[in-house]
Amino acid sequence: MCGRSYARLGMGLGHRGRRRPDDFFGFDAEKMSPRARVVAALSVLVPVALSGVFLVVLVPQLWWIFTTYFWVAFPALGLLTGGVSGVAEERPPRVSEAELERELLEAIRDGGEVSAASAAARTSLTVAEADRRLRGLAENGHIEVRARGGAVLYALWGTGEAGA
């Protein structure tokens, strides 16, 4: 094994070779993503449940053996519940298309004339997304396109001076 120690490689051992209390079978559960927590928990729970079912079906008089190793499932159940609750929190809130368009039009209204970069700074859109949406609004005739000093600016119709 090339002379390396498991303790040096960080195999879940803390100070003086003792296992840290926040480790789950050698994994630091706090550093795992919610999906990784769910996968790790299911990789323990599924074999334990299947072996219990097979034991009860094939040799019903030895059902009590299943209870002796079921203790492995308790930390996995805790990891599973933490992972499932974290997966729901991990997802960013979905913003509707209408809300994004309203946000972009409010930025144009408040700023008078905006470029794609300034629209992105005022909204939650990226510059590329703001540019794509502004071009789409201009192509459909909803907003006016102006060119000033090599910059492409977008404005609501009838606001400010006439376009160049």
N, C-alpha and C. Protein backbone atom coordinates (compact mmCIF):
# COMPACT_ATOMS: atom_id res chain seq x y z
N MET A 1 0.82 -1.18 0.00
CA MET A 1 0.00 0.00 0.00
C MET A 1 0.87 1.25 0.00
N CYS A 2 2.07 1.14 -0.46
CA CYS A 2 2.98 2.27 -0.64
C CYS A 2 3.36 2.94 0.67
N GLY A 3 3.17 2.31 1.78
CA GLY A 3 3.60 2.85 3.06
C GLY A 3 2.74 3.97 3.61
N ARG A 4 1.56 4.21 3.05
CA ARG A 4 0.70 5.29 3.54
C ARG A 4 -0.21 4.79 4.65
N SER A 5 -0.47 5.66 5.59
CA SER A 5 -1.32 5.31 6.71
C SER A 5 -2.76 5.73 6.40
N TYR A 6 -3.72 4.93 6.87
CA TYR A 6 -5.11 5.32 6.70
C TYR A 6 -5.43 6.59 7.47
N ALA A 7 -4.79 6.77 8.62
CA ALA A 7 -5.04 7.97 9.42
C ALA A 7 -4.56 9.21 8.67
N ARG A 8 -3.44 9.09 7.95
CA ARG A 8 -2.94 10.24 7.20
C ARG A 8 -3.82 10.55 6.00
N LEU A 9 -4.45 9.55 5.44
CA LEU A 9 -5.31 9.75 4.28
C LEU A 9 -6.68 10.25 4.67
N GLY A 10 -6.97 10.37 5.95
CA GLY A 10 -8.26 10.90 6.41
C GLY A 10 -9.39 9.90 6.27
N MET A 11 -9.21 8.72 6.75
CA MET A 11 -10.23 7.68 6.63
C MET A 11 -11.23 7.73 7.78
N GLY A 12 -11.65 8.94 8.16
CA GLY A 12 -12.67 9.06 9.19
C GLY A 12 -12.11 9.02 10.60
N LEU A 13 -10.81 9.09 10.75
CA LEU A 13 -10.22 9.04 12.09
C LEU A 13 -9.82 10.44 12.51
N GLY A 14 -10.16 10.79 13.69
CA GLY A 14 -9.83 12.10 14.21
C GLY A 14 -8.55 12.07 15.00
N HIS A 15 -8.50 12.84 16.05
CA HIS A 15 -7.33 12.96 16.89
C HIS A 15 -7.00 11.63 17.55
N ARG A 16 -5.77 11.17 17.42
CA ARG A 16 -5.26 9.94 18.03
C ARG A 16 -6.02 8.69 17.55
N GLY A 17 -6.48 8.70 16.31
CA GLY A 17 -7.07 7.50 15.74
C GLY A 17 -8.51 7.22 16.14
N ARG A 18 -9.13 8.12 16.89
CA ARG A 18 -10.53 7.91 17.27
C ARG A 18 -11.46 8.42 16.19
N ARG A 19 -12.58 7.75 16.03
CA ARG A 19 -13.56 8.15 15.03
C ARG A 19 -14.27 9.43 15.50
N ARG A 20 -14.41 10.37 14.57
CA ARG A 20 -15.13 11.60 14.89
C ARG A 20 -16.62 11.30 14.98
N PRO A 21 -17.35 11.96 15.89
CA PRO A 21 -18.77 11.64 16.06
C PRO A 21 -19.62 12.06 14.87
N ASP A 22 -19.17 12.99 14.04
CA ASP A 22 -19.98 13.42 12.90
C ASP A 22 -19.73 12.60 11.65
N ASP A 23 -18.96 11.54 11.74
CA ASP A 23 -18.68 10.69 10.59
C ASP A 23 -19.74 9.61 10.46
N PHE A 24 -20.05 9.25 9.24
CA PHE A 24 -20.99 8.18 8.94
C PHE A 24 -20.23 7.12 8.18
N PHE A 25 -19.81 6.08 8.88
CA PHE A 25 -19.06 4.98 8.30
C PHE A 25 -17.84 5.46 7.53
N GLY A 26 -17.12 6.42 8.11
CA GLY A 26 -15.90 6.93 7.49
C GLY A 26 -16.11 8.12 6.57
N PHE A 27 -17.34 8.57 6.37
CA PHE A 27 -17.63 9.73 5.54
C PHE A 27 -18.01 10.89 6.43
N ASP A 28 -17.53 12.07 6.11
CA ASP A 28 -17.92 13.26 6.84
C ASP A 28 -19.26 13.72 6.28
N ALA A 29 -20.33 13.44 6.98
CA ALA A 29 -21.68 13.69 6.47
C ALA A 29 -21.96 15.17 6.27
N GLU A 30 -21.32 16.04 7.03
CA GLU A 30 -21.56 17.47 6.88
C GLU A 30 -21.02 18.00 5.56
N LYS A 31 -20.00 17.38 5.02
CA LYS A 31 -19.41 17.83 3.77
C LYS A 31 -20.06 17.21 2.54
N MET A 32 -20.96 16.26 2.75
CA MET A 32 -21.62 15.59 1.63
C MET A 32 -22.80 16.41 1.14
N SER A 33 -23.04 16.37 -0.17
CA SER A 33 -24.21 17.04 -0.72
C SER A 33 -25.46 16.25 -0.31
N PRO A 34 -26.63 16.88 -0.34
CA PRO A 34 -27.85 16.15 0.05
C PRO A 34 -28.09 14.90 -0.79
N ARG A 35 -27.81 14.95 -2.08
CA ARG A 35 -28.01 13.76 -2.91
C ARG A 35 -27.04 12.66 -2.54
N ALA A 36 -25.80 13.03 -2.21
CA ALA A 36 -24.82 12.02 -1.80
C ALA A 36 -25.23 11.39 -0.47
N ARG A 37 -25.85 12.18 0.41
CA ARG A 37 -26.34 11.63 1.67
C ARG A 37 -27.43 10.59 1.44
N VAL A 38 -28.34 10.89 0.52
CA VAL A 38 -29.41 9.95 0.21
C VAL A 38 -28.84 8.66 -0.39
N VAL A 39 -27.90 8.80 -1.30
CA VAL A 39 -27.30 7.62 -1.93
C VAL A 39 -26.56 6.77 -0.90
N ALA A 40 -25.79 7.41 -0.01
CA ALA A 40 -25.05 6.67 1.02
C ALA A 40 -26.01 5.96 1.96
N ALA A 41 -27.09 6.63 2.34
CA ALA A 41 -28.06 6.01 3.24
C ALA A 41 -28.76 4.83 2.58
N LEU A 42 -29.14 5.00 1.32
CA LEU A 42 -29.82 3.90 0.63
C LEU A 42 -28.89 2.73 0.35
N SER A 43 -27.60 3.01 0.19
CA SER A 43 -26.65 1.91 -0.04
C SER A 43 -26.50 1.05 1.22
N VAL A 44 -26.89 1.57 2.36
CA VAL A 44 -26.89 0.77 3.59
C VAL A 44 -28.28 0.18 3.85
N LEU A 45 -29.31 0.99 3.67
CA LEU A 45 -30.67 0.55 4.01
C LEU A 45 -31.21 -0.54 3.09
N VAL A 46 -30.93 -0.44 1.81
CA VAL A 46 -31.48 -1.43 0.87
C VAL A 46 -30.95 -2.84 1.15
N PRO A 47 -29.62 -3.04 1.31
CA PRO A 47 -29.17 -4.40 1.62
C PRO A 47 -29.68 -4.91 2.97
N VAL A 48 -29.77 -4.03 3.96
CA VAL A 48 -30.29 -4.46 5.26
C VAL A 48 -31.74 -4.90 5.13
N ALA A 49 -32.56 -4.13 4.42
CA ALA A 49 -33.97 -4.48 4.26
C ALA A 49 -34.13 -5.76 3.44
N LEU A 50 -33.37 -5.88 2.36
CA LEU A 50 -33.48 -7.09 1.53
C LEU A 50 -33.04 -8.34 2.30
N SER A 51 -31.97 -8.22 3.05
CA SER A 51 -31.52 -9.39 3.80
C SER A 51 -32.55 -9.78 4.86
N GLY A 52 -33.21 -8.79 5.46
CA GLY A 52 -34.25 -9.09 6.43
C GLY A 52 -35.44 -9.79 5.79
N VAL A 53 -35.83 -9.34 4.60
CA VAL A 53 -36.95 -9.97 3.90
C VAL A 53 -36.59 -11.40 3.53
N PHE A 54 -35.39 -11.59 2.97
CA PHE A 54 -34.97 -12.95 2.60
C PHE A 54 -34.87 -13.87 3.81
N LEU A 55 -34.40 -13.33 4.92
CA LEU A 55 -34.28 -14.13 6.12
C LEU A 55 -35.65 -14.59 6.62
N VAL A 56 -36.60 -13.66 6.64
CA VAL A 56 -37.94 -13.99 7.13
C VAL A 56 -38.66 -14.94 6.17
N VAL A 57 -38.45 -14.77 4.88
CA VAL A 57 -39.13 -15.62 3.90
C VAL A 57 -38.51 -17.02 3.86
N LEU A 58 -37.19 -17.09 3.84
CA LEU A 58 -36.54 -18.38 3.67
C LEU A 58 -36.43 -19.18 4.97
N VAL A 59 -36.14 -18.50 6.08
CA VAL A 59 -35.98 -19.21 7.36
C VAL A 59 -36.75 -18.41 8.42
N PRO A 60 -38.07 -18.55 8.48
CA PRO A 60 -38.87 -17.71 9.38
C PRO A 60 -38.55 -17.91 10.85
N GLN A 61 -38.08 -19.07 11.26
CA GLN A 61 -37.82 -19.29 12.68
C GLN A 61 -36.56 -18.53 13.15
N LEU A 62 -35.75 -17.99 12.23
CA LEU A 62 -34.56 -17.22 12.61
C LEU A 62 -34.77 -15.72 12.43
N TRP A 63 -36.01 -15.23 12.52
CA TRP A 63 -36.31 -13.82 12.33
C TRP A 63 -35.55 -12.94 13.30
N TRP A 64 -35.25 -13.41 14.48
CA TRP A 64 -34.60 -12.61 15.52
C TRP A 64 -33.17 -12.23 15.13
N ILE A 65 -32.54 -12.95 14.22
CA ILE A 65 -31.18 -12.59 13.78
C ILE A 65 -31.19 -11.24 13.08
N PHE A 66 -32.28 -10.96 12.37
CA PHE A 66 -32.38 -9.67 11.69
C PHE A 66 -32.30 -8.52 12.67
N THR A 67 -32.84 -8.68 13.87
CA THR A 67 -32.80 -7.60 14.85
C THR A 67 -31.39 -7.35 15.38
N THR A 68 -30.51 -8.33 15.29
CA THR A 68 -29.15 -8.13 15.82
C THR A 68 -28.30 -7.26 14.92
N TYR A 69 -28.59 -7.21 13.64
CA TYR A 69 -27.79 -6.33 12.78
C TYR A 69 -28.61 -5.17 12.23
N PHE A 70 -29.83 -5.01 12.68
CA PHE A 70 -30.65 -3.88 12.25
C PHE A 70 -30.13 -2.55 12.81
N TRP A 71 -29.25 -2.60 13.81
CA TRP A 71 -28.69 -1.37 14.39
C TRP A 71 -27.96 -0.55 13.34
N VAL A 72 -27.50 -1.16 12.27
CA VAL A 72 -26.79 -0.45 11.21
C VAL A 72 -27.72 0.54 10.51
N ALA A 73 -29.01 0.25 10.52
CA ALA A 73 -29.96 1.09 9.80
C ALA A 73 -30.25 2.41 10.51
N PHE A 74 -30.06 2.50 11.80
CA PHE A 74 -30.41 3.73 12.51
C PHE A 74 -29.60 4.94 12.06
N PRO A 75 -28.27 4.88 11.97
CA PRO A 75 -27.56 6.05 11.44
C PRO A 75 -27.93 6.32 9.98
N ALA A 76 -28.19 5.28 9.21
CA ALA A 76 -28.56 5.46 7.81
C ALA A 76 -29.92 6.15 7.69
N LEU A 77 -30.85 5.84 8.59
CA LEU A 77 -32.15 6.52 8.58
C LEU A 77 -32.00 8.01 8.87
N GLY A 78 -31.12 8.34 9.82
CA GLY A 78 -30.86 9.75 10.11
C GLY A 78 -30.23 10.46 8.93
N LEU A 79 -29.31 9.80 8.26
CA LEU A 79 -28.66 10.39 7.09
C LEU A 79 -29.66 10.54 5.95
N LEU A 80 -30.56 9.59 5.80
CA LEU A 80 -31.58 9.66 4.75
C LEU A 80 -32.53 10.83 4.98
N THR A 81 -33.01 11.00 6.21
CA THR A 81 -33.93 12.11 6.48
C THR A 81 -33.25 13.45 6.29
N GLY A 82 -31.98 13.56 6.71
CA GLY A 82 -31.25 14.81 6.49
C GLY A 82 -31.01 15.08 5.02
N GLY A 83 -30.73 14.03 4.27
CA GLY A 83 -30.50 14.20 2.83
C GLY A 83 -31.76 14.57 2.08
N VAL A 84 -32.88 13.93 2.43
CA VAL A 84 -34.14 14.22 1.75
C VAL A 84 -34.58 15.66 2.04
N SER A 85 -34.44 16.10 3.27
CA SER A 85 -34.82 17.48 3.58
C SER A 85 -33.87 18.47 2.93
N GLY A 86 -32.61 18.09 2.75
CA GLY A 86 -31.64 18.97 2.09
C GLY A 86 -31.85 19.07 0.60
N VAL A 87 -32.35 18.00 -0.02
CA VAL A 87 -32.60 18.03 -1.47
C VAL A 87 -33.68 19.06 -1.79
N ALA A 88 -34.70 19.14 -0.95
CA ALA A 88 -35.77 20.11 -1.18
C ALA A 88 -35.26 21.53 -1.01
N GLU A 89 -34.36 21.76 -0.07
CA GLU A 89 -33.81 23.09 0.15
C GLU A 89 -32.78 23.47 -0.90
N GLU A 90 -32.17 22.47 -1.55
CA GLU A 90 -31.09 22.71 -2.50
C GLU A 90 -31.59 23.34 -3.80
N ARG A 91 -32.80 23.05 -4.19
CA ARG A 91 -33.33 23.54 -5.45
C ARG A 91 -33.58 25.04 -5.39
N PRO A 92 -33.14 25.77 -6.41
CA PRO A 92 -33.44 27.20 -6.44
C PRO A 92 -34.91 27.40 -6.80
N PRO A 93 -35.51 28.46 -6.30
CA PRO A 93 -36.91 28.70 -6.62
C PRO A 93 -37.06 28.98 -8.13
N ARG A 94 -38.09 28.42 -8.71
CA ARG A 94 -38.32 28.62 -10.15
C ARG A 94 -39.05 29.94 -10.34
N VAL A 95 -38.53 30.72 -11.27
CA VAL A 95 -39.14 31.99 -11.62
C VAL A 95 -39.81 31.82 -12.97
N SER A 96 -41.04 32.22 -13.08
CA SER A 96 -41.78 32.04 -14.32
C SER A 96 -41.25 32.97 -15.40
N GLU A 97 -41.55 32.63 -16.64
CA GLU A 97 -41.14 33.44 -17.78
C GLU A 97 -41.77 34.83 -17.70
N ALA A 98 -43.02 34.89 -17.29
CA ALA A 98 -43.71 36.18 -17.19
C ALA A 98 -43.04 37.07 -16.14
N GLU A 99 -42.62 36.46 -15.04
CA GLU A 99 -41.95 37.23 -13.98
C GLU A 99 -40.60 37.77 -14.46
N LEU A 100 -39.85 36.95 -15.21
CA LEU A 100 -38.57 37.41 -15.75
C LEU A 100 -38.76 38.55 -16.74
N GLU A 101 -39.78 38.44 -17.59
CA GLU A 101 -40.05 39.50 -18.56
C GLU A 101 -40.49 40.78 -17.85
N ARG A 102 -41.31 40.65 -16.83
CA ARG A 102 -41.75 41.82 -16.06
C ARG A 102 -40.56 42.49 -15.38
N GLU A 103 -39.67 41.70 -14.84
CA GLU A 103 -38.47 42.22 -14.18
C GLU A 103 -37.59 42.99 -15.19
N LEU A 104 -37.46 42.46 -16.39
CA LEU A 104 -36.66 43.10 -17.43
C LEU A 104 -37.31 44.40 -17.90
N LEU A 105 -38.61 44.39 -18.09
CA LEU A 105 -39.31 45.61 -18.52
C LEU A 105 -39.30 46.69 -17.44
N GLU A 106 -39.35 46.31 -16.18
CA GLU A 106 -39.24 47.28 -15.09
C GLU A 106 -37.86 47.91 -15.07
N ALA A 107 -36.82 47.13 -15.38
CA ALA A 107 -35.47 47.68 -15.44
C ALA A 107 -35.35 48.68 -16.57
N ILE A 108 -36.00 48.41 -17.70
CA ILE A 108 -35.98 49.36 -18.82
C ILE A 108 -36.74 50.62 -18.43
N ARG A 109 -37.91 50.45 -17.80
CA ARG A 109 -38.71 51.60 -17.40
C ARG A 109 -37.97 52.47 -16.38
N ASP A 110 -37.32 51.87 -15.41
CA ASP A 110 -36.63 52.62 -14.38
C ASP A 110 -35.38 53.30 -14.91
N GLY A 111 -34.68 52.64 -15.84
CA GLY A 111 -33.43 53.20 -16.35
C GLY A 111 -33.58 54.04 -17.59
N GLY A 112 -34.74 54.03 -18.22
CA GLY A 112 -34.92 54.76 -19.47
C GLY A 112 -34.37 53.95 -20.63
N GLU A 113 -33.07 53.97 -20.78
CA GLU A 113 -32.38 53.17 -21.78
C GLU A 113 -31.46 52.19 -21.05
N VAL A 114 -31.42 50.95 -21.50
CA VAL A 114 -30.53 49.98 -20.87
C VAL A 114 -29.81 49.17 -21.94
N SER A 115 -28.62 48.77 -21.60
CA SER A 115 -27.90 47.80 -22.42
C SER A 115 -28.15 46.43 -21.81
N ALA A 116 -27.67 45.39 -22.47
CA ALA A 116 -27.86 44.04 -21.93
C ALA A 116 -27.13 43.89 -20.59
N ALA A 117 -25.95 44.49 -20.48
CA ALA A 117 -25.18 44.37 -19.24
C ALA A 117 -25.87 45.11 -18.09
N SER A 118 -26.38 46.31 -18.35
CA SER A 118 -27.05 47.04 -17.27
C SER A 118 -28.38 46.39 -16.90
N ALA A 119 -29.05 45.79 -17.87
CA ALA A 119 -30.29 45.05 -17.56
C ALA A 119 -29.97 43.84 -16.70
N ALA A 120 -28.86 43.17 -16.99
CA ALA A 120 -28.47 42.01 -16.18
C ALA A 120 -28.11 42.43 -14.77
N ALA A 121 -27.50 43.61 -14.62
CA ALA A 121 -27.13 44.09 -13.30
C ALA A 121 -28.37 44.45 -12.47
N ARG A 122 -29.44 44.86 -13.13
CA ARG A 122 -30.65 45.27 -12.41
C ARG A 122 -31.64 44.12 -12.20
N THR A 123 -31.41 43.00 -12.87
CA THR A 123 -32.33 41.87 -12.76
C THR A 123 -31.55 40.63 -12.32
N SER A 124 -32.24 39.51 -12.27
CA SER A 124 -31.61 38.25 -11.89
C SER A 124 -31.12 37.47 -13.11
N LEU A 125 -31.14 38.08 -14.28
CA LEU A 125 -30.72 37.42 -15.51
C LEU A 125 -29.21 37.55 -15.71
N THR A 126 -28.66 36.63 -16.49
CA THR A 126 -27.26 36.77 -16.91
C THR A 126 -27.23 37.73 -18.09
N VAL A 127 -26.04 38.18 -18.46
CA VAL A 127 -25.92 39.12 -19.58
C VAL A 127 -26.38 38.47 -20.87
N ALA A 128 -25.99 37.23 -21.10
CA ALA A 128 -26.40 36.54 -22.32
C ALA A 128 -27.91 36.35 -22.38
N GLU A 129 -28.52 36.00 -21.26
CA GLU A 129 -29.96 35.81 -21.21
C GLU A 129 -30.69 37.15 -21.37
N ALA A 130 -30.18 38.21 -20.74
CA ALA A 130 -30.79 39.52 -20.89
C ALA A 130 -30.69 39.99 -22.34
N ASP A 131 -29.54 39.77 -22.98
CA ASP A 131 -29.36 40.16 -24.38
C ASP A 131 -30.33 39.40 -25.28
N ARG A 132 -30.47 38.11 -25.05
CA ARG A 132 -31.38 37.29 -25.86
C ARG A 132 -32.83 37.75 -25.69
N ARG A 133 -33.21 38.04 -24.47
CA ARG A 133 -34.59 38.47 -24.22
C ARG A 133 -34.85 39.87 -24.77
N LEU A 134 -33.87 40.75 -24.62
CA LEU A 134 -34.04 42.11 -25.15
C LEU A 134 -34.15 42.09 -26.67
N ARG A 135 -33.33 41.29 -27.32
CA ARG A 135 -33.40 41.16 -28.78
C ARG A 135 -34.76 40.60 -29.21
N GLY A 136 -35.26 39.64 -28.46
CA GLY A 136 -36.57 39.07 -28.78
C GLY A 136 -37.69 40.09 -28.63
N LEU A 137 -37.64 40.89 -27.59
CA LEU A 137 -38.65 41.94 -27.41
C LEU A 137 -38.56 42.99 -28.52
N ALA A 138 -37.33 43.32 -28.94
CA ALA A 138 -37.15 44.31 -30.01
C ALA A 138 -37.62 43.75 -31.35
N GLU A 139 -37.34 42.49 -31.63
CA GLU A 139 -37.78 41.88 -32.89
C GLU A 139 -39.29 41.80 -32.98
N ASN A 140 -39.95 41.64 -31.86
CA ASN A 140 -41.41 41.59 -31.84
C ASN A 140 -42.03 42.98 -31.77
N GLY A 141 -41.21 44.03 -31.72
CA GLY A 141 -41.72 45.40 -31.74
C GLY A 141 -42.19 45.92 -30.41
N HIS A 142 -41.83 45.27 -29.31
CA HIS A 142 -42.30 45.72 -28.00
C HIS A 142 -41.43 46.82 -27.43
N ILE A 143 -40.16 46.85 -27.78
CA ILE A 143 -39.26 47.90 -27.31
C ILE A 143 -38.46 48.44 -28.49
N GLU A 144 -37.86 49.58 -28.30
CA GLU A 144 -37.10 50.29 -29.34
C GLU A 144 -35.61 50.01 -29.16
N VAL A 145 -34.90 49.87 -30.27
CA VAL A 145 -33.45 49.66 -30.24
C VAL A 145 -32.80 50.98 -30.64
N ARG A 146 -31.81 51.40 -29.85
CA ARG A 146 -31.07 52.63 -30.13
C ARG A 146 -29.59 52.31 -30.14
N ALA A 147 -28.86 52.99 -31.01
CA ALA A 147 -27.41 52.84 -31.06
C ALA A 147 -26.78 54.18 -30.72
N ARG A 148 -25.89 54.15 -29.74
CA ARG A 148 -25.24 55.39 -29.31
C ARG A 148 -23.79 55.08 -29.00
N GLY A 149 -22.87 55.64 -29.78
CA GLY A 149 -21.44 55.46 -29.51
C GLY A 149 -21.00 54.00 -29.61
N GLY A 150 -21.59 53.25 -30.49
CA GLY A 150 -21.22 51.85 -30.64
C GLY A 150 -21.94 50.92 -29.68
N ALA A 151 -22.75 51.46 -28.79
CA ALA A 151 -23.49 50.64 -27.83
C ALA A 151 -24.92 50.45 -28.31
N VAL A 152 -25.44 49.28 -28.10
CA VAL A 152 -26.83 48.99 -28.42
C VAL A 152 -27.63 49.15 -27.14
N LEU A 153 -28.60 50.07 -27.19
CA LEU A 153 -29.43 50.35 -26.03
C LEU A 153 -30.88 50.02 -26.37
N TYR A 154 -31.62 49.65 -25.37
CA TYR A 154 -33.03 49.30 -25.54
C TYR A 154 -33.86 50.23 -24.66
N ALA A 155 -34.99 50.70 -25.20
CA ALA A 155 -35.87 51.60 -24.46
C ALA A 155 -37.31 51.30 -24.83
N LEU A 156 -38.21 51.75 -23.96
CA LEU A 156 -39.62 51.64 -24.28
C LEU A 156 -39.96 52.65 -25.37
N TRP A 157 -40.96 52.34 -26.18
CA TRP A 157 -41.33 53.25 -27.26
C TRP A 157 -41.82 54.58 -26.69
N GLY A 158 -41.37 55.67 -27.33
CA GLY A 158 -41.85 56.99 -26.97
C GLY A 158 -41.20 57.60 -25.73
N THR A 159 -40.16 56.98 -25.20
CA THR A 159 -39.48 57.58 -24.04
C THR A 159 -38.17 58.19 -24.50
N GLY A 160 -37.85 59.33 -24.01
CA GLY A 160 -36.58 59.98 -24.35
C GLY A 160 -36.57 60.50 -25.77
N GLU A 161 -35.36 60.66 -26.33
CA GLU A 161 -35.24 61.19 -27.67
C GLU A 161 -35.36 60.07 -28.69
N ALA A 162 -35.52 60.44 -29.92
CA ALA A 162 -35.70 59.45 -30.99
C ALA A 162 -34.41 58.69 -31.19
N GLY A 163 -34.54 57.45 -31.69
CA GLY A 163 -33.39 56.59 -31.90
C GLY A 163 -32.50 57.08 -33.01
N ALA A 164 -31.21 56.67 -32.98
CA ALA A 164 -30.25 57.13 -33.98
C ALA A 164 -30.43 56.36 -35.26
